[in-house]
Protein backbone atom coordinates (compact mmCIF):
# COMPACT_ATOMS: atom_id res chain seq x y z
CA MET A 1 25.23 4.52 7.93
CA THR A 2 22.27 3.61 10.12
CA GLU A 3 20.67 0.21 9.98
CA THR A 4 16.95 -0.32 10.36
CA ASN A 5 15.44 -3.25 12.18
CA PRO A 6 14.07 -5.66 9.53
CA LYS A 7 11.25 -6.71 11.87
CA GLU A 8 10.10 -3.10 12.26
CA LYS A 9 7.05 -2.45 10.10
CA GLN A 10 6.79 0.85 8.27
CA TYR A 11 3.30 2.15 7.45
CA VAL A 12 2.52 5.14 5.23
CA GLU A 13 -0.69 6.69 3.96
CA GLY A 14 -1.51 7.44 0.37
CA VAL A 15 -4.23 7.85 -2.24
CA VAL A 16 -5.15 5.24 -4.87
CA VAL A 17 -4.40 6.71 -8.30
CA GLU A 18 -4.95 3.79 -10.68
CA ALA A 19 -6.44 0.29 -10.56
CA LEU A 20 -4.38 -2.48 -12.17
CA PRO A 21 -5.25 -6.14 -12.87
CA ASN A 22 -5.15 -8.81 -10.12
CA THR A 23 -6.24 -6.46 -7.31
CA GLN A 24 -3.13 -4.32 -7.64
CA PHE A 25 -3.14 -0.54 -7.45
CA LYS A 26 -0.88 2.46 -7.98
CA VAL A 27 -0.78 4.49 -4.78
CA GLN A 28 0.59 8.02 -4.48
CA LEU A 29 2.19 8.47 -1.07
CA ASN A 30 1.33 11.55 0.99
CA ASN A 31 4.75 12.25 2.45
CA THR A 32 6.90 11.97 -0.72
CA ASN A 33 4.46 12.28 -3.66
CA GLU A 34 6.01 9.05 -4.99
CA GLU A 35 3.87 6.45 -6.78
CA ILE A 36 4.22 2.82 -5.73
CA ARG A 37 2.54 -0.43 -6.73
CA ALA A 38 0.54 -2.16 -4.00
CA TYR A 39 -1.75 -5.16 -3.68
CA MET A 40 -4.70 -5.81 -1.37
CA SER A 41 -4.10 -7.83 1.79
CA GLY A 42 -5.74 -11.21 2.19
CA LYS A 43 -8.09 -10.03 4.95
CA MET A 44 -9.39 -7.26 2.70
CA LYS A 45 -10.09 -9.81 -0.06
CA LYS A 46 -11.66 -12.26 2.41
CA ASN A 47 -14.01 -9.61 3.86
CA ARG A 48 -14.75 -8.22 0.37
CA ILE A 49 -13.59 -4.70 1.16
CA LYS A 50 -13.51 -2.70 -2.05
CA VAL A 51 -10.88 -0.13 -2.94
CA PHE A 52 -11.65 2.56 -5.51
CA ILE A 53 -9.66 5.28 -7.22
CA GLY A 54 -9.38 8.25 -4.87
CA ASP A 55 -9.60 6.21 -1.66
CA ARG A 56 -7.12 6.97 1.12
CA VAL A 57 -5.31 3.81 2.22
CA THR A 58 -2.66 2.70 4.70
CA VAL A 59 0.20 0.81 3.05
CA LEU A 60 2.76 -1.52 4.63
CA LEU A 61 6.06 -0.87 2.85
CA ASP A 62 8.07 -3.88 1.72
CA GLN A 63 11.68 -3.63 2.91
CA TYR A 64 12.97 -5.14 -0.34
CA GLY A 65 11.28 -2.58 -2.58
CA SER A 66 8.97 -4.78 -4.66
CA THR A 67 5.21 -4.58 -4.38
CA HIS A 68 3.78 -3.24 -1.14
CA ARG A 69 0.59 -4.28 0.72
CA ILE A 70 -2.56 -2.24 1.31
CA GLU A 71 -3.57 -2.91 4.91
CA ARG A 72 -6.70 -0.77 5.31
CA ARG A 73 -8.93 1.90 3.83
CA VAL A 74 -8.94 5.13 5.81
């Protein structure tokens, strides 16, 4: 079994499929076609960057498997 470094950040790209309450979104990942739940990062909220259905985004995966964070719109 291989161990991953917990400090190593893992980014993936995906497409926003559905908008949920409290600035959360369902994102379909490009590499696995899996849907995950993600929330907007604080800098995106602060700078009022909007995310719409169909937007391509970069997501920082959470190592514990809960909600993930949308880092940027591509």
